[in-house]
PDB file of N, CA and C in Angstrom:
ATOM      1  N   MET A   1     -18.367   1.071  -2.349  1.00  0.00           N
ATOM      2  CA  MET A   1     -17.407   0.448  -2.872  1.00  0.00           C
ATOM      3  C   MET A   1     -18.612  -0.582  -3.713  1.00  0.00           C
ATOM      4  N   THR A   2     -18.705  -0.378  -5.262  1.00  0.00           N
ATOM      5  CA  THR A   2     -19.412  -1.345  -6.285  1.00  0.00           C
ATOM      6  C   THR A   2     -18.879  -2.490  -7.025  1.00  0.00           C
ATOM      7  N   GLY A   3     -19.466  -3.192  -7.535  1.00  0.00           N
ATOM      8  CA  GLY A   3     -19.090  -4.897  -7.719  1.00  0.00           C
ATOM      9  C   GLY A   3     -19.562  -4.695  -8.725  1.00  0.00           C
ATOM     10  N   ASP A   4     -18.780  -5.971  -9.496  1.00  0.00           N
ATOM     11  CA  ASP A   4     -19.200  -6.413 -10.779  1.00  0.00           C
ATOM     12  C   ASP A   4     -20.324  -7.592 -10.434  1.00  0.00           C
ATOM     13  N   GLY A   5     -20.894  -7.762  -9.384  1.00  0.00           N
ATOM     14  CA  GLY A   5     -21.590  -9.244  -9.174  1.00  0.00           C
ATOM     15  C   GLY A   5     -20.875 -10.500  -8.973  1.00  0.00           C
ATOM     16  N   LEU A   6     -19.723 -10.752  -9.672  1.00  0.00           N
ATOM     17  CA  LEU A   6     -18.975 -12.118  -9.481  1.00  0.00           C
ATOM     18  C   LEU A   6     -18.684 -12.484  -7.933  1.00  0.00           C
ATOM     19  N   VAL A   7     -18.247 -11.272  -6.793  1.00  0.00           N
ATOM     20  CA  VAL A   7     -17.555 -11.692  -5.655  1.00  0.00           C
ATOM     21  C   VAL A   7     -18.531 -10.675  -4.576  1.00  0.00           C
ATOM     22  N   ASP A   8     -18.873 -11.288  -3.540  1.00  0.00           N
ATOM     23  CA  ASP A   8     -19.419  -9.976  -2.653  1.00  0.00           C
ATOM     24  C   ASP A   8     -18.574  -9.166  -2.463  1.00  0.00           C
ATOM     25  N   ALA A   9     -19.014  -7.250  -2.845  1.00  0.00           N
ATOM     26  CA  ALA A   9     -17.889  -6.644  -2.328  1.00  0.00           C
ATOM     27  C   ALA A   9     -17.505  -6.347  -0.844  1.00  0.00           C
ATOM     28  N   ASP A  10     -18.310  -6.829   0.199  1.00  0.00           N
ATOM     29  CA  ASP A  10     -17.697  -6.688   1.188  1.00  0.00           C
ATOM     30  C   ASP A  10     -16.736  -7.229   1.723  1.00  0.00           C
ATOM     31  N   TRP A  11     -16.727  -8.539   1.023  1.00  0.00           N
ATOM     32  CA  TRP A  11     -15.724  -9.679   1.331  1.00  0.00           C
ATOM     33  C   TRP A  11     -14.330  -9.658   0.342  1.00  0.00           C
ATOM     34  N   TRP A  12     -14.502  -8.551  -0.611  1.00  0.00           N
ATOM     35  CA  TRP A  12     -13.024  -8.716  -1.556  1.00  0.00           C
ATOM     36  C   TRP A  12     -12.708  -7.224  -1.052  1.00  0.00           C
ATOM     37  N   ARG A  13     -13.346  -6.447  -0.043  1.00  0.00           N
ATOM     38  CA  ARG A  13     -12.557  -5.229   0.538  1.00  0.00           C
ATOM     39  C   ARG A  13     -12.349  -5.756   1.949  1.00  0.00           C
ATOM     40  N   GLU A  14     -12.366  -6.540   2.167  1.00  0.00           N
ATOM     41  CA  GLU A  14     -11.547  -6.834   3.784  1.00  0.00           C
ATOM     42  C   GLU A  14     -10.796  -8.027   2.932  1.00  0.00           C
ATOM     43  N   ARG A  15     -10.679  -8.834   1.909  1.00  0.00           N
ATOM     44  CA  ARG A  15      -9.419  -9.397   1.549  1.00  0.00           C
ATOM     45  C   ARG A  15      -8.547  -7.840   0.754  1.00  0.00           C
ATOM     46  N   GLN A  16      -8.968  -7.364   0.665  1.00  0.00           N
ATOM     47  CA  GLN A  16      -7.943  -6.446   0.050  1.00  0.00           C
ATOM     48  C   GLN A  16      -7.520  -5.566   1.513  1.00  0.00           C
ATOM     49  N   ASP A  17      -8.024  -4.968   2.615  1.00  0.00           N
ATOM     50  CA  ASP A  17      -7.666  -4.623   3.868  1.00  0.00           C
ATOM     51  C   ASP A  17      -6.379  -5.732   4.423  1.00  0.00           C
ATOM     52  N   ALA A  18      -6.961  -7.249   4.073  1.00  0.00           N
ATOM     53  CA  ALA A  18      -6.034  -7.983   5.193  1.00  0.00           C
ATOM     54  C   ALA A  18      -4.670  -8.268   4.098  1.00  0.00           C
ATOM     55  N   TYR A  19      -4.538  -8.465   2.533  1.00  0.00           N
ATOM     56  CA  TYR A  19      -3.378  -8.087   2.148  1.00  0.00           C
ATOM     57  C   TYR A  19      -2.511  -7.098   2.277  1.00  0.00           C
ATOM     58  N   LEU A  20      -3.630  -5.241   2.644  1.00  0.00           N
ATOM     59  CA  LEU A  20      -2.601  -4.225   3.212  1.00  0.00           C
ATOM     60  C   LEU A  20      -2.211  -4.582   4.540  1.00  0.00           C
ATOM     61  N   GLU A  21      -2.905  -4.877   5.313  1.00  0.00           N
ATOM     62  CA  GLU A  21      -2.172  -5.138   6.958  1.00  0.00           C
ATOM     63  C   GLU A  21      -1.015  -6.092   6.695  1.00  0.00           C
ATOM     64  N   ALA A  22      -1.128  -7.323   5.886  1.00  0.00           N
ATOM     65  CA  ALA A  22      -0.059  -8.500   5.902  1.00  0.00           C
ATOM     66  C   ALA A  22       1.282  -7.541   4.568  1.00  0.00           C
ATOM     67  N   ALA A  23       0.939  -6.845   3.844  1.00  0.00           N
ATOM     68  CA  ALA A  23       1.983  -6.801   3.235  1.00  0.00           C
ATOM     69  C   ALA A  23       3.002  -4.674   3.649  1.00  0.00           C
ATOM     70  N   THR A  24       1.803  -4.148   5.020  1.00  0.00           N
ATOM     71  CA  THR A  24       2.517  -3.117   5.600  1.00  0.00           C
ATOM     72  C   THR A  24       3.529  -3.262   6.554  1.00  0.00           C
ATOM     73  N   ALA A  25       3.537  -4.972   7.097  1.00  0.00           N
ATOM     74  CA  ALA A  25       3.627  -5.353   7.852  1.00  0.00           C
ATOM     75  C   ALA A  25       5.470  -4.345   8.676  1.00  0.00           C
ATOM     76  N   VAL A  26       5.836  -4.499   7.670  1.00  0.00           N
ATOM     77  CA  VAL A  26       7.419  -4.267   7.725  1.00  0.00           C
ATOM     78  C   VAL A  26       7.324  -2.852   6.107  1.00  0.00           C
ATOM     79  N   ARG A  27       8.487  -2.364   6.871  1.00  0.00           N
ATOM     80  CA  ARG A  27       9.062  -1.365   5.618  1.00  0.00           C
ATOM     81  C   ARG A  27      10.243  -1.345   5.044  1.00  0.00           C
ATOM     82  N   HIS A  28       9.918  -1.390   3.712  1.00  0.00           N
ATOM     83  CA  HIS A  28      10.722  -1.542   2.840  1.00  0.00           C
ATOM     84  C   HIS A  28      11.020  -0.463   2.372  1.00  0.00           C
ATOM     85  N   PRO A  29      12.328   0.599   2.499  1.00  0.00           N
ATOM     86  CA  PRO A  29      12.104   1.553   1.771  1.00  0.00           C
ATOM     87  C   PRO A  29      12.937   1.617   0.653  1.00  0.00           C
ATOM     88  N   GLN A  30      13.382   0.630   0.218  1.00  0.00           N
ATOM     89  CA  GLN A  30      13.679   0.657  -1.555  1.00  0.00           C
ATOM     90  C   GLN A  30      12.842   0.124  -2.321  1.00  0.00           C
ATOM     91  N   SER A  31      11.326  -0.392  -1.965  1.00  0.00           N
ATOM     92  CA  SER A  31      10.237  -0.718  -2.804  1.00  0.00           C
ATOM     93  C   SER A  31       9.251   0.102  -3.033  1.00  0.00           C
ATOM     94  N   VAL A  32       9.157   0.469  -4.367  1.00  0.00           N
ATOM     95  CA  VAL A  32       7.742   1.294  -4.851  1.00  0.00           C
ATOM     96  C   VAL A  32       6.401   0.561  -4.547  1.00  0.00           C
ATOM     97  N   LEU A  33       6.219  -0.813  -4.691  1.00  0.00           N
ATOM     98  CA  LEU A  33       5.500  -1.411  -4.242  1.00  0.00           C
ATOM     99  C   LEU A  33       5.069  -1.274  -2.494  1.00  0.00           C
ATOM    100  N   ASN A  34       5.990  -1.397  -2.019  1.00  0.00           N
ATOM    101  CA  ASN A  34       5.671  -1.323  -0.100  1.00  0.00           C
ATOM    102  C   ASN A  34       5.481   0.026   0.184  1.00  0.00           C
ATOM    103  N   LEU A  35       5.720   1.277  -0.562  1.00  0.00           N
ATOM    104  CA  LEU A  35       5.425   2.519  -0.673  1.00  0.00           C
ATOM    105  C   LEU A  35       3.637   2.403  -0.600  1.00  0.00           C
ATOM    106  N   LEU A  36       3.377   2.032  -2.080  1.00  0.00           N
ATOM    107  CA  LEU A  36       2.307   2.299  -2.592  1.00  0.00           C
ATOM    108  C   LEU A  36       0.931   1.617  -1.785  1.00  0.00           C
ATOM    109  N   ASP A  37       1.910   0.235  -0.877  1.00  0.00           N
ATOM    110  CA  ASP A  37       0.884  -0.562  -0.339  1.00  0.00           C
ATOM    111  C   ASP A  37       0.666   0.423   1.325  1.00  0.00           C
ATOM    112  N   HIS A  38       1.929   0.640   1.705  1.00  0.00           N
ATOM    113  CA  HIS A  38       1.551   1.911   2.699  1.00  0.00           C
ATOM    114  C   HIS A  38       0.795   3.258   2.614  1.00  0.00           C
ATOM    115  N   LEU A  39       0.838   3.911   0.900  1.00  0.00           N
ATOM    116  CA  LEU A  39      -0.161   5.178   0.984  1.00  0.00           C
ATOM    117  C   LEU A  39      -1.510   4.510   0.724  1.00  0.00           C
ATOM    118  N   GLU A  40      -1.911   3.439   0.135  1.00  0.00           N
ATOM    119  CA  GLU A  40      -3.206   2.623   0.250  1.00  0.00           C
ATOM    120  C   GLU A  40      -3.990   2.832   1.541  1.00  0.00           C
ATOM    121  N   ARG A  41      -3.125   2.168   2.251  1.00  0.00           N
ATOM    122  CA  ARG A  41      -3.629   1.664   3.277  1.00  0.00           C
ATOM    123  C   ARG A  41      -4.187   3.044   4.368  1.00  0.00           C
ATOM    124  N   ALA A  42      -3.115   4.170   4.304  1.00  0.00           N
ATOM    125  CA  ALA A  42      -3.657   5.281   4.832  1.00  0.00           C
ATOM    126  C   ALA A  42      -4.599   5.809   4.151  1.00  0.00           C
ATOM    127  N   ARG A  43      -4.821   5.695   3.059  1.00  0.00           N
ATOM    128  CA  ARG A  43      -5.934   6.479   2.367  1.00  0.00           C
ATOM    129  C   ARG A  43      -7.158   5.727   3.080  1.00  0.00           C
ATOM    130  N   ARG A  44      -7.301   4.460   2.928  1.00  0.00           N
ATOM    131  CA  ARG A  44      -8.138   3.579   3.637  1.00  0.00           C
ATOM    132  C   ARG A  44      -8.643   3.775   4.954  1.00  0.00           C
ATOM    133  N   HIS A  45      -7.270   3.622   5.957  1.00  0.00           N
ATOM    134  CA  HIS A  45      -7.381   3.692   7.266  1.00  0.00           C
ATOM    135  C   HIS A  45      -6.146   4.851   7.736  1.00  0.00           C
ATOM    136  N   PRO A  46      -6.931   6.483   7.993  1.00  0.00           N
ATOM    137  CA  PRO A  46      -6.182   7.050   7.911  1.00  0.00           C
ATOM    138  C   PRO A  46      -5.155   7.116   9.673  1.00  0.00           C
ATOM    139  N   ALA A  47      -5.488   6.105  10.309  1.00  0.00           N
ATOM    140  CA  ALA A  47      -4.550   5.795  11.458  1.00  0.00           C
ATOM    141  C   ALA A  47      -3.231   5.416  11.135  1.00  0.00           C
ATOM    142  N   HIS A  48      -3.285   5.119   9.880  1.00  0.00           N
ATOM    143  CA  HIS A  48      -1.928   4.324   9.322  1.00  0.00           C
ATOM    144  C   HIS A  48      -0.953   5.170   8.579  1.00  0.00           C
ATOM    145  N   THR A  49       0.199   5.648   9.742  1.00  0.00           N
ATOM    146  CA  THR A  49       1.377   6.513   9.028  1.00  0.00           C
ATOM    147  C   THR A  49       2.415   6.105   7.987  1.00  0.00           C
ATOM    148  N   VAL A  50       2.664   6.952   7.041  1.00  0.00           N
ATOM    149  CA  VAL A  50       3.722   6.264   6.146  1.00  0.00           C
ATOM    150  C   VAL A  50       4.754   6.693   6.766  1.00  0.00           C
ATOM    151  N   ALA A  51       6.070   6.599   6.479  1.00  0.00           N
ATOM    152  CA  ALA A  51       7.273   7.414   6.541  1.00  0.00           C
ATOM    153  C   ALA A  51       7.993   7.731   5.553  1.00  0.00           C
ATOM    154  N   LEU A  52       7.425   9.057   5.366  1.00  0.00           N
ATOM    155  CA  LEU A  52       7.846   9.439   4.020  1.00  0.00           C
ATOM    156  C   LEU A  52       8.909  10.363   4.075  1.00  0.00           C
ATOM    157  N   ASP A  53       9.694  10.115   4.988  1.00  0.00           N
ATOM    158  CA  ASP A  53      11.036  10.133   5.126  1.00  0.00           C
ATOM    159  C   ASP A  53      12.138   9.191   4.712  1.00  0.00           C
ATOM    160  N   ASP A  54      11.800   8.006   4.619  1.00  0.00           N
ATOM    161  CA  ASP A  54      12.519   7.341   3.541  1.00  0.00           C
ATOM    162  C   ASP A  54      12.582   7.845   2.308  1.00  0.00           C
ATOM    163  N   LEU A  55      11.344   8.552   1.766  1.00  0.00           N
ATOM    164  CA  LEU A  55      11.470   8.715   0.380  1.00  0.00           C
ATOM    165  C   LEU A  55      12.603   9.789   0.003  1.00  0.00           C
ATOM    166  N   THR A  56      13.876   9.219  -0.671  1.00  0.00           N
ATOM    167  CA  THR A  56      15.422  10.444  -0.569  1.00  0.00           C
ATOM    168  C   THR A  56      15.246  10.280  -2.200  1.00  0.00           C
ATOM    169  N   PRO A  57      16.109  11.566  -2.323  1.00  0.00           N
ATOM    170  CA  PRO A  57      16.545  11.914  -3.896  1.00  0.00           C
ATOM    171  C   PRO A  57      16.779  10.352  -4.918  1.00  0.00           C
ATOM    172  N   GLU A  58      17.910   9.312  -3.680  1.00  0.00           N
ATOM    173  CA  GLU A  58      18.483   8.068  -4.385  1.00  0.00           C
ATOM    174  C   GLU A  58      17.491   7.205  -4.415  1.00  0.00           C
ATOM    175  N   VAL A  59      16.723   7.102  -3.856  1.00  0.00           N
ATOM    176  CA  VAL A  59      15.284   6.347  -3.811  1.00  0.00           C
ATOM    177  C   VAL A  59      14.495   6.473  -5.270  1.00  0.00           C
ATOM    178  N   VAL A  60      13.638   7.313  -5.428  1.00  0.00           N
ATOM    179  CA  VAL A  60      13.409   7.418  -6.248  1.00  0.00           C
ATOM    180  C   VAL A  60      13.895   7.184  -7.176  1.00  0.00           C
ATOM    181  N   SER A  61      15.548   7.906  -7.816  1.00  0.00           N
ATOM    182  CA  SER A  61      16.366   7.397  -8.661  1.00  0.00           C
ATOM    183  C   SER A  61      16.205   6.427  -9.140  1.00  0.00           C
ATOM    184  N   GLY A  62      16.745   5.400  -7.950  1.00  0.00           N
ATOM    185  CA  GLY A  62      16.331   3.765  -8.205  1.00  0.00           C
ATOM    186  C   GLY A  62      15.298   3.931  -8.800  1.00  0.00           C
ATOM    187  N   TRP A  63      14.066   4.408  -8.429  1.00  0.00           N
ATOM    188  CA  TRP A  63      12.721   3.410  -8.633  1.00  0.00           C
ATOM    189  C   TRP A  63      13.038   3.806 -10.305  1.00  0.00           C
ATOM    190  N   CYS A  64      13.440   5.340 -11.143  1.00  0.00           N
ATOM    191  CA  CYS A  64      13.492   5.527 -11.825  1.00  0.00           C
ATOM    192  C   CYS A  64      14.142   5.068 -13.016  1.00  0.00           C
ATOM    193  N   ARG A  65      15.055   4.565 -12.590  1.00  0.00           N
ATOM    194  CA  ARG A  65      16.682   3.645 -13.622  1.00  0.00           C
ATOM    195  C   ARG A  65      15.705   2.222 -14.014  1.00  0.00           C
ATOM    196  N   ARG A  66      15.015   2.038 -13.172  1.00  0.00           N
ATOM    197  CA  ARG A  66      14.716   0.230 -13.633  1.00  0.00           C
ATOM    198  C   ARG A  66      13.276   1.069 -14.198  1.00  0.00           C
TER     199      ARG A  66
END
């Protein structure tokens, strides 16, 4: 990970991981932001699973209407 020199890159990564852990403590199938949090956590930590079954056409349609 590259940094801009303003903060320690390892510290920043730890803060991001802590946020993702808290943000993914529960699932909110109607929230696109919650899904993105889960996807990013799974990208960083492959053992984390994402419930893609929650992605119904109705949910996606609701996101698009907003």
